Amino acid sequence: MDFVKELIKELRQYIDEYTMVYDPTDEGDWRLVVNEVTAFIDSESLVTVMNADVTPRILSHRLNSERPREENERPSLSLQEIVIVGNSEKQVKFSELTLDMFRMLQALEREPEEYQPYILENSADFTGDQMKKETAPSKKPNPHKYLLYKPTFSQLFTFLASGFKELPHNAVMLIYLSADGHGVENKHVDGPYGQGGVRMSAHKGLQNTGSTTRIMQSNVNDTNIIYPDDLMPFTRKAMMLIVDSETSTAFQSLSSGFGQSVVILMSPCKVPHTLQDAIRKGNLFTLFLHNPLVAFLYICNIANVQVELWEQCCQQLRGFEGDWTRLFTKLSKVIDVSYIQMIDDEFLSLMIRRFIFCYYVTRQHKAFKGMEYFPSCSPSLPPQIMENDDLRKRVLTLASTLDVRGLFYELEDIPSVSVTM
C-alpha cells in the first residue's frame, strides 16, 4: 500500500510539471483521476493489521485455497458465470469501478499461485494444520466475470443473456447488484414492480428524495429500473442473486418457476445512524461478504489491531464457520435443496457462510434494532440454523477477544424477532 501511495505522489508531481509546461486543457481531468485514486485507496483500507515491527500487514481478500470436499452422492453445482453490477451514486469509485464492485471482484477470485505460500499463513479460511497440508495450489480456473457500471436495462440484459448462454446444466450464474434503491410512491401499485427495484443507469425522469429514489405514479415502469421479475427468465438455470440495496427485500418475491436452484441473499434495508455517513466507503453487507472480520472490526469502531490479536480473531471466525458447517450438514434434510446443491462450490459456500456470519453479528449488535437492519435470504433457512445459541456464543467470544462485548447482547437479552428467512 505504501508503494501505491508513492506512485500516486509521483503521478501528482508529473501532472504538476505537465500543467506548468504545456498549460493543457485536460488538467482538470488528470486532477480528477488522481483524486479518485486517492479516495479509493483511503476508503478501501478500513482496518489496519500491524505486524510486530509496526509495519502494516497486507491482507488477501481472494480465495486462498479450496475447501476439502466431502464425498457424497448428492448432485452439486459449480459457479461459472458472474455478473457484477454497480450503481451507488454516493460511493467512492475509480473510473467505472465502485468500491463494492472491487470488493466482490476480489472475493470471487482465486489467489494467483505465485502468492499462495505467503498468503496461506494469513488465511482466515482454514486451521493451521489444514493450511500446511495444502502443498499444491489449485489450478482450477476462476469463474468468468462481467463488470458493469451503471448499465442500461438493455446492456444488463445483453450480458445476462450472454452469461446464461455459456452456462452448462450443472453450473451457476451469480448476479451481484449493488445499486441505489428505487421504491414505489404509491403503495397500492400492483404488478411486477409493486415492491420496487434497483436503479441502473441515471435517468432524467427520476426524483431523488433522499437515499431511495421514488417512482412517480406517471413513471412507474421506468425502463432503467431492475425489478425482480426482470430476472425471471434467467432462473431457467441455477442462479445465486446477491442484492445490496435499501430495497433489496423486493427481490425475495423472485422464485424459479422452472425447477432450478435459486438462492437470493439480500442486504439489510437500513444501517445504524452511526454508519450512514460512511456509505461512500462501500456498503456494509458487501464488506461482510468481502472480509467478515474487517466488517466486524469496522462496526465495533476498531481501526487498528495487532497481528497476534488478528490471528486470534481469525481462529474464532474459523470456529464459527466450522460450527455452522457441521450444523448445516446435520440439518440438511430440512434445508432447501438449492442450498444443498450450491454449498459444495467453494465460492458459493463462501458467500453463504459470510452471509450467515453477517446475520448473527447484526442480530446481536445493539446498534442494529430490528429486522430491517438484518440481512435476509430466500429460500428461507430454518430457525435451528438462524437462531442457534452455540453460534451466538461464538460471536460473543469474538467480541470478548476484542474487548467489545459490551456492544453486543448477551444470550438472554437478544430481542425476539419473527424469523421468516
Protein backbone atom coordinates (compact mmCIF):
# COMPACT_ATOMS: atom_id res chain seq x y z
CA MET A 1 0.00 0.00 0.00
CA ASP A 2 2.88 2.37 0.74
CA PHE A 3 4.22 1.66 -2.74
CA VAL A 4 0.84 2.61 -4.26
CA LYS A 5 0.81 5.86 -2.31
CA GLU A 6 4.33 6.63 -3.55
CA LEU A 7 3.15 6.08 -7.12
CA ILE A 8 0.22 8.45 -6.57
CA LYS A 9 2.57 11.08 -5.16
CA GLU A 10 4.84 10.65 -8.16
CA LEU A 11 1.88 10.96 -10.53
CA ARG A 12 0.86 14.23 -8.87
CA GLN A 13 4.38 15.60 -9.46
CA TYR A 14 4.27 14.62 -13.13
CA ILE A 15 0.88 16.30 -13.53
CA ASP A 16 2.21 19.48 -11.91
CA GLU A 17 5.17 19.53 -14.32
CA TYR A 18 2.89 18.76 -17.28
CA THR A 19 0.50 21.60 -16.49
CA MET A 20 3.29 24.12 -15.83
CA VAL A 21 4.98 23.42 -19.15
CA TYR A 22 2.04 22.92 -21.51
CA ASP A 23 -0.93 24.62 -19.80
CA PRO A 24 -3.20 21.85 -21.14
CA THR A 25 -6.99 21.94 -21.37
CA ASP A 26 -7.28 18.48 -19.76
CA GLU A 27 -5.64 19.45 -16.45
CA GLY A 28 -8.95 19.04 -14.61
CA ASP A 29 -9.37 15.50 -15.95
CA TRP A 30 -5.94 14.47 -14.70
CA ARG A 31 -6.59 16.01 -11.30
CA LEU A 32 -9.86 14.10 -11.13
CA VAL A 33 -8.06 10.83 -11.85
CA VAL A 34 -5.60 11.40 -9.01
CA ASN A 35 -8.35 12.43 -6.60
CA GLU A 36 -10.41 9.33 -7.48
CA VAL A 37 -7.43 7.01 -6.96
CA THR A 38 -6.56 8.67 -3.63
CA ALA A 39 -10.12 8.48 -2.33
CA PHE A 40 -10.42 4.87 -3.50
CA ILE A 41 -7.24 3.77 -1.69
CA ASP A 42 -8.12 5.66 1.50
CA SER A 43 -11.67 4.26 1.60
CA GLU A 44 -10.63 0.68 0.82
CA SER A 45 -8.34 0.49 3.86
CA LEU A 46 -10.84 0.46 6.74
CA VAL A 47 -8.79 -1.64 9.17
CA THR A 48 -5.01 -1.87 9.53
CA VAL A 49 -3.35 -5.02 10.88
CA MET A 50 0.05 -4.18 12.37
CA ASN A 51 2.99 -6.59 12.40
CA ALA A 52 5.32 -6.87 15.37
CA ASP A 53 7.73 -4.46 13.65
CA VAL A 54 4.94 -1.86 13.39
CA THR A 55 4.52 -2.29 9.64
CA PRO A 56 1.06 -2.91 8.16
CA ARG A 57 0.30 -6.45 7.04
CA ILE A 58 -1.08 -6.97 3.57
CA LEU A 59 -4.34 -8.90 3.76
CA SER A 60 -5.52 -11.16 0.99
CA HIS A 61 -9.20 -10.96 0.11
CA ARG A 62 -9.10 -13.64 -2.56
CA LEU A 63 -9.86 -17.33 -2.16
CA ASN A 64 -6.62 -18.79 -0.84
CA SER A 65 -7.28 -22.50 -1.24
CA GLU A 66 -10.14 -24.86 -1.82
CA ARG A 67 -12.10 -26.41 0.99
CA PRO A 68 -11.64 -30.16 1.36
CA ARG A 69 -14.63 -31.69 -0.39
CA GLU A 70 -16.64 -34.35 1.35
CA GLU A 71 -17.55 -37.47 -0.53
CA ASN A 72 -21.30 -37.51 -1.11
CA GLU A 73 -23.80 -38.73 -3.62
CA ARG A 74 -25.85 -35.56 -3.85
CA PRO A 75 -25.75 -33.56 -7.10
CA SER A 76 -23.80 -30.33 -6.76
CA LEU A 77 -23.37 -27.19 -8.82
CA SER A 78 -20.33 -25.05 -9.58
CA LEU A 79 -20.03 -21.32 -10.15
CA GLN A 80 -19.09 -20.46 -13.72
CA GLU A 81 -20.52 -17.07 -14.71
CA ILE A 82 -20.58 -13.88 -12.61
CA VAL A 83 -22.23 -10.55 -13.42
CA ILE A 84 -21.16 -7.73 -11.08
CA VAL A 85 -23.22 -4.53 -11.33
CA GLY A 86 -22.53 -1.26 -9.53
CA ASN A 87 -24.57 1.94 -9.35
CA SER A 88 -24.22 3.65 -5.97
CA GLU A 89 -24.23 7.38 -6.61
CA LYS A 90 -22.51 8.43 -3.37
CA GLN A 91 -19.93 5.64 -3.31
CA VAL A 92 -16.24 6.18 -3.98
CA LYS A 93 -15.17 4.87 -7.37
CA PHE A 94 -12.22 4.82 -9.71
CA SER A 95 -13.10 5.14 -13.37
CA GLU A 96 -16.02 2.67 -13.74
CA LEU A 97 -15.26 0.54 -10.68
CA THR A 98 -17.01 1.26 -7.39
CA LEU A 99 -15.64 0.02 -4.06
CA ASP A 100 -18.40 -2.58 -3.80
CA MET A 101 -17.59 -3.90 -7.28
CA PHE A 102 -13.89 -4.04 -6.43
CA ARG A 103 -14.52 -5.90 -3.17
CA MET A 104 -16.75 -8.50 -4.79
CA LEU A 105 -14.28 -8.90 -7.62
CA GLN A 106 -11.60 -9.73 -5.04
CA ALA A 107 -13.81 -12.08 -3.03
CA LEU A 108 -14.77 -14.06 -6.13
CA GLU A 109 -11.22 -14.57 -7.36
CA ARG A 110 -8.63 -17.23 -6.53
CA GLU A 111 -5.26 -16.14 -5.27
CA PRO A 112 -2.60 -16.46 -8.02
CA GLU A 113 -0.38 -19.48 -7.45
CA GLU A 114 2.79 -17.41 -7.03
CA TYR A 115 1.27 -15.71 -3.96
CA GLN A 116 -0.11 -18.84 -2.30
CA PRO A 117 2.82 -19.68 0.02
CA TYR A 118 2.82 -16.22 1.62
CA ILE A 119 -0.92 -15.69 1.76
CA LEU A 120 -1.78 -19.07 3.26
CA GLU A 121 -0.25 -18.17 6.58
CA ASN A 122 -2.61 -15.20 6.77
CA SER A 123 -5.71 -17.11 5.68
CA ALA A 124 -8.87 -16.94 7.74
CA ASP A 125 -10.49 -19.83 5.90
CA PHE A 126 -8.74 -22.83 7.43
CA THR A 127 -6.93 -24.02 10.51
CA GLY A 128 -3.15 -24.02 10.57
CA ASP A 129 -2.96 -27.82 10.13
CA GLN A 130 -5.21 -27.70 7.10
CA MET A 131 -3.16 -24.91 5.55
CA LYS A 132 0.09 -26.81 5.97
CA LYS A 133 -1.39 -29.73 4.07
CA GLU A 134 -2.08 -27.50 1.07
CA THR A 135 1.10 -28.24 -0.86
CA ALA A 136 -0.30 -27.98 -4.38
CA PRO A 137 -2.28 -24.82 -5.19
CA SER A 138 -5.47 -25.28 -7.18
CA LYS A 139 -5.20 -24.79 -10.92
CA LYS A 140 -8.95 -24.58 -11.32
CA PRO A 141 -9.84 -21.52 -13.43
CA ASN A 142 -11.63 -18.53 -11.99
CA PRO A 143 -15.30 -18.01 -12.89
CA HIS A 144 -15.86 -15.78 -15.90
CA LYS A 145 -16.91 -12.26 -14.89
CA TYR A 146 -18.72 -9.28 -16.39
CA LEU A 147 -18.25 -5.89 -14.67
CA LEU A 148 -20.99 -3.36 -15.42
CA TYR A 149 -21.05 0.19 -14.06
CA LYS A 150 -24.39 1.99 -14.40
CA PRO A 151 -25.61 -0.17 -17.30
CA THR A 152 -28.88 0.50 -19.08
CA PHE A 153 -31.50 -2.22 -18.91
CA SER A 154 -30.68 -3.37 -22.44
CA GLN A 155 -26.95 -3.55 -21.64
CA LEU A 156 -27.55 -5.55 -18.46
CA PHE A 157 -29.96 -7.88 -20.25
CA THR A 158 -27.44 -8.45 -23.03
CA PHE A 159 -24.67 -9.51 -20.63
CA LEU A 160 -27.04 -11.64 -18.55
CA ALA A 161 -28.13 -13.40 -21.72
CA SER A 162 -24.50 -13.92 -22.75
CA GLY A 163 -23.63 -15.47 -19.38
CA PHE A 164 -26.77 -17.58 -19.46
CA LYS A 165 -25.89 -18.89 -22.92
CA GLU A 166 -22.46 -20.08 -21.74
CA LEU A 167 -23.83 -21.82 -18.65
CA PRO A 168 -23.87 -25.65 -18.70
CA HIS A 169 -26.63 -27.56 -16.94
CA ASN A 170 -24.56 -28.23 -13.79
CA ALA A 171 -23.31 -24.65 -13.29
CA VAL A 172 -24.50 -21.49 -11.54
CA MET A 173 -24.61 -17.87 -12.61
CA LEU A 174 -24.05 -15.38 -9.78
CA ILE A 175 -25.63 -11.95 -10.21
CA TYR A 176 -24.45 -9.23 -7.83
CA LEU A 177 -26.35 -5.93 -7.73
CA SER A 178 -25.00 -3.01 -5.69
CA ALA A 179 -27.27 -0.11 -6.50
CA ASP A 180 -29.38 2.67 -5.10
CA GLY A 181 -32.89 1.57 -4.24
CA HIS A 182 -35.98 2.53 -6.20
CA GLY A 183 -39.15 2.46 -4.12
CA VAL A 184 -42.79 2.92 -5.05
CA GLU A 185 -44.52 6.21 -4.20
CA ASN A 186 -47.99 4.70 -4.43
CA LYS A 187 -48.26 1.75 -2.03
CA HIS A 188 -51.34 0.48 -3.87
CA VAL A 189 -49.47 -0.11 -7.12
CA ASP A 190 -49.77 -3.72 -8.22
CA GLY A 191 -47.84 -5.70 -10.77
CA PRO A 192 -44.26 -6.87 -11.17
CA TYR A 193 -42.87 -3.51 -10.00
CA GLY A 194 -45.11 -3.14 -6.96
CA GLN A 195 -42.33 -3.81 -4.43
CA GLY A 196 -39.76 -1.59 -6.11
CA GLY A 197 -36.38 -2.42 -7.58
CA VAL A 198 -32.87 -1.03 -8.01
CA ARG A 199 -31.54 1.70 -10.26
CA MET A 200 -29.23 1.06 -13.15
CA SER A 201 -28.14 3.97 -15.36
CA ALA A 202 -29.14 7.53 -14.43
CA HIS A 203 -32.47 8.69 -15.81
CA LYS A 204 -33.66 12.26 -16.11
CA GLY A 205 -37.20 11.43 -15.05
CA LEU A 206 -36.23 10.21 -11.59
CA GLN A 207 -36.97 12.19 -8.47
CA ASN A 208 -34.39 11.73 -5.73
CA THR A 209 -35.91 12.26 -2.28
CA GLY A 210 -33.03 11.01 -0.16
CA SER A 211 -31.28 7.66 -0.12
CA THR A 212 -34.06 5.98 -2.11
CA THR A 213 -35.22 7.21 -5.48
CA ARG A 214 -39.00 7.25 -5.72
CA ILE A 215 -41.05 6.16 -8.70
CA MET A 216 -43.65 8.77 -9.57
CA GLN A 217 -47.08 7.44 -10.44
CA SER A 218 -46.77 8.65 -14.03
CA ASN A 219 -43.42 6.92 -14.47
CA VAL A 220 -43.91 3.73 -12.50
CA ASN A 221 -42.42 1.45 -15.12
CA ASP A 222 -39.16 3.26 -15.80
CA THR A 223 -37.10 1.30 -18.31
CA ASN A 224 -33.79 1.50 -16.44
CA ILE A 225 -35.04 0.12 -13.13
CA ILE A 226 -34.40 -3.57 -12.49
CA TYR A 227 -37.37 -5.33 -10.90
CA PRO A 228 -37.45 -8.90 -9.57
CA ASP A 229 -39.48 -10.21 -12.49
CA ASP A 230 -36.88 -8.89 -14.94
CA LEU A 231 -34.61 -11.71 -13.77
CA MET A 232 -37.23 -14.45 -14.02
CA PRO A 233 -36.11 -15.68 -17.49
CA PHE A 234 -32.64 -16.43 -16.13
CA THR A 235 -33.98 -18.78 -13.45
CA ARG A 236 -34.25 -21.42 -16.17
CA LYS A 237 -30.76 -22.33 -14.96
CA ALA A 238 -29.29 -22.30 -11.44
CA MET A 239 -28.67 -18.82 -10.07
CA MET A 240 -27.42 -17.05 -6.96
CA LEU A 241 -28.57 -13.43 -6.66
CA ILE A 242 -26.92 -11.02 -4.21
CA VAL A 243 -28.61 -7.64 -3.79
CA ASP A 244 -27.02 -4.84 -1.75
CA SER A 245 -29.55 -2.02 -1.68
CA GLU A 246 -32.05 -0.36 0.63
CA THR A 247 -34.79 -2.03 -1.43
CA SER A 248 -33.11 -5.45 -1.50
CA THR A 249 -36.07 -7.32 0.02
CA ALA A 250 -38.16 -6.56 -3.06
CA PHE A 251 -36.26 -9.43 -4.67
CA GLN A 252 -37.45 -12.03 -2.17
CA SER A 253 -40.50 -12.41 -4.39
CA LEU A 254 -38.31 -13.82 -7.16
CA SER A 255 -38.51 -17.58 -7.44
CA SER A 256 -37.81 -20.14 -10.08
CA GLY A 257 -40.78 -21.42 -11.97
CA PHE A 258 -38.55 -23.87 -13.80
CA GLY A 259 -37.50 -26.21 -11.02
CA GLN A 260 -33.92 -24.89 -10.88
CA SER A 261 -31.93 -23.94 -7.80
CA VAL A 262 -32.18 -20.24 -6.96
CA VAL A 263 -30.69 -18.61 -3.83
CA ILE A 264 -31.14 -14.91 -3.05
CA LEU A 265 -29.01 -13.13 -0.44
CA MET A 266 -30.34 -9.68 0.45
CA SER A 267 -28.68 -6.88 2.39
CA PRO A 268 -30.26 -5.09 5.33
CA CYS A 269 -32.57 -2.29 4.24
CA LYS A 270 -31.18 0.03 6.91
CA VAL A 271 -27.88 0.62 8.70
CA PRO A 272 -27.38 2.26 12.11
CA HIS A 273 -27.27 6.05 12.13
CA THR A 274 -23.59 6.00 13.10
CA LEU A 275 -22.72 4.20 9.84
CA GLN A 276 -24.91 6.14 7.43
CA ASP A 277 -22.30 8.80 6.67
CA ALA A 278 -19.78 6.06 5.80
CA ILE A 279 -21.80 4.80 2.82
CA ARG A 280 -19.30 6.41 0.43
CA LYS A 281 -16.73 3.87 1.70
CA GLY A 282 -18.86 0.97 0.49
CA ASN A 283 -21.91 -0.91 1.71
CA LEU A 284 -21.66 -2.84 4.97
CA PHE A 285 -23.24 -6.04 3.61
CA THR A 286 -20.73 -6.22 0.78
CA LEU A 287 -17.92 -5.61 3.27
CA PHE A 288 -19.06 -8.68 5.23
CA LEU A 289 -19.02 -10.75 2.03
CA HIS A 290 -15.60 -9.34 1.17
CA ASN A 291 -13.90 -9.74 4.56
CA PRO A 292 -16.19 -10.59 7.51
CA LEU A 293 -13.56 -9.94 10.16
CA VAL A 294 -12.77 -6.47 8.82
CA ALA A 295 -16.52 -5.75 8.79
CA PHE A 296 -16.80 -6.92 12.41
CA LEU A 297 -13.96 -4.64 13.48
CA TYR A 298 -15.44 -1.78 11.47
CA ILE A 299 -18.86 -1.83 13.18
CA CYS A 300 -17.05 -2.05 16.52
CA ASN A 301 -15.11 1.11 15.63
CA ILE A 302 -11.72 -0.64 15.67
CA ALA A 303 -9.36 0.77 13.04
CA ASN A 304 -6.05 -0.80 14.12
CA VAL A 305 -5.26 -4.24 15.50
CA GLN A 306 -2.03 -6.07 16.28
CA VAL A 307 -1.24 -9.14 14.22
CA GLU A 308 -1.36 -11.51 17.22
CA LEU A 309 -4.87 -10.35 18.06
CA TRP A 310 -5.86 -10.54 14.39
CA GLU A 311 -4.77 -14.18 14.21
CA GLN A 312 -6.76 -14.98 17.37
CA CYS A 313 -9.83 -13.41 15.75
CA CYS A 314 -9.23 -15.42 12.56
CA GLN A 315 -9.23 -18.55 14.70
CA GLN A 316 -12.53 -17.51 16.28
CA LEU A 317 -14.04 -16.88 12.85
CA ARG A 318 -12.90 -20.30 11.64
CA GLY A 319 -14.57 -21.80 14.70
CA PHE A 320 -17.83 -20.06 13.86
CA GLU A 321 -17.75 -21.24 10.25
CA GLY A 322 -16.81 -24.78 11.27
CA ASP A 323 -19.70 -24.99 13.75
CA TRP A 324 -22.14 -23.63 11.19
CA THR A 325 -20.95 -26.08 8.52
CA ARG A 326 -21.45 -29.02 10.86
CA LEU A 327 -24.89 -27.72 11.80
CA PHE A 328 -25.76 -27.33 8.12
CA THR A 329 -24.76 -30.93 7.44
CA LYS A 330 -26.73 -32.17 10.44
CA LEU A 331 -29.90 -30.35 9.37
CA SER A 332 -29.51 -30.88 5.62
CA LYS A 333 -32.79 -32.82 5.39
CA VAL A 334 -34.79 -29.74 6.39
CA ILE A 335 -32.82 -27.24 4.28
CA ASP A 336 -33.97 -26.20 0.83
CA VAL A 337 -32.30 -28.21 -1.93
CA SER A 338 -30.98 -25.02 -3.57
CA TYR A 339 -28.52 -24.53 -0.70
CA ILE A 340 -27.62 -28.22 -0.67
CA GLN A 341 -26.65 -28.13 -4.33
CA MET A 342 -24.62 -24.91 -4.03
CA ILE A 343 -22.79 -25.49 -0.75
CA ASP A 344 -20.10 -27.70 -2.33
CA ASP A 345 -18.80 -24.90 -4.56
CA GLU A 346 -16.03 -23.00 -2.76
CA PHE A 347 -17.18 -19.54 -3.88
CA LEU A 348 -20.90 -20.10 -3.34
CA SER A 349 -20.19 -21.69 0.04
CA LEU A 350 -18.05 -18.68 0.96
CA MET A 351 -20.90 -16.28 0.15
CA ILE A 352 -23.42 -18.31 2.18
CA ARG A 353 -21.14 -18.69 5.20
CA ARG A 354 -20.28 -14.99 5.25
CA PHE A 355 -23.95 -14.11 4.88
CA ILE A 356 -24.70 -16.24 7.95
CA PHE A 357 -21.93 -14.56 9.95
CA CYS A 358 -23.27 -11.13 8.93
CA TYR A 359 -26.73 -12.14 10.14
CA TYR A 360 -25.52 -13.32 13.53
CA VAL A 361 -23.34 -10.25 14.10
CA THR A 362 -26.03 -7.72 13.18
CA ARG A 363 -28.63 -9.74 15.08
CA GLN A 364 -26.60 -9.44 18.29
CA HIS A 365 -25.08 -5.97 17.90
CA LYS A 366 -27.05 -3.42 19.92
CA ALA A 367 -26.91 -0.76 17.21
CA PHE A 368 -28.93 -2.91 14.79
CA LYS A 369 -32.51 -2.55 16.02
CA GLY A 370 -34.92 -4.74 14.07
CA MET A 371 -35.40 -6.95 11.03
CA GLU A 372 -34.72 -4.10 8.59
CA TYR A 373 -31.17 -3.98 9.96
CA PHE A 374 -30.52 -7.70 9.35
CA PRO A 375 -29.72 -9.43 6.04
CA SER A 376 -32.25 -11.91 4.71
CA CYS A 377 -32.35 -14.77 2.24
CA SER A 378 -34.68 -16.75 0.04
CA PRO A 379 -35.50 -19.64 0.21
CA SER A 380 -35.77 -19.38 3.97
CA LEU A 381 -33.38 -21.19 6.26
CA PRO A 382 -34.78 -22.99 9.36
CA PRO A 383 -34.65 -21.26 12.78
CA GLN A 384 -32.34 -24.05 14.04
CA ILE A 385 -29.66 -22.54 11.77
CA MET A 386 -30.50 -18.84 12.05
CA GLU A 387 -31.09 -18.67 15.83
CA ASN A 388 -28.54 -21.11 17.26
CA ASP A 389 -27.16 -20.36 20.73
CA ASP A 390 -23.83 -22.08 20.07
CA LEU A 391 -23.19 -19.77 17.13
CA ARG A 392 -24.28 -16.79 19.20
CA LYS A 393 -21.71 -17.76 21.81
CA ARG A 394 -19.07 -17.77 19.08
CA VAL A 395 -19.91 -14.15 18.25
CA LEU A 396 -19.72 -13.17 21.91
CA THR A 397 -16.37 -14.93 22.27
CA LEU A 398 -15.02 -12.96 19.31
CA ALA A 399 -16.35 -9.75 20.84
CA SER A 400 -14.66 -10.63 24.15
CA THR A 401 -11.37 -11.27 22.37
CA LEU A 402 -11.54 -7.70 21.05
CA ASP A 403 -12.81 -6.30 24.36
CA VAL A 404 -16.06 -5.01 22.80
CA ARG A 405 -18.53 -7.45 24.33
CA GLY A 406 -20.49 -4.52 25.77
CA LEU A 407 -21.63 -3.65 22.22
CA PHE A 408 -23.47 -6.97 21.91
CA TYR A 409 -26.50 -8.52 23.56
CA GLU A 410 -25.94 -11.41 25.94
CA LEU A 411 -27.86 -14.57 25.04
CA GLU A 412 -30.70 -13.89 27.44
CA ASP A 413 -31.05 -10.26 26.28
CA ILE A 414 -31.32 -10.77 22.50
CA PRO A 415 -34.67 -9.30 21.36
CA SER A 416 -37.04 -11.85 19.85
CA VAL A 417 -37.95 -11.43 16.19
CA SER A 418 -40.06 -13.37 13.75
CA VAL A 419 -37.57 -15.29 11.63
CA THR A 420 -39.04 -15.74 8.16
CA MET A 421 -35.84 -16.33 6.24
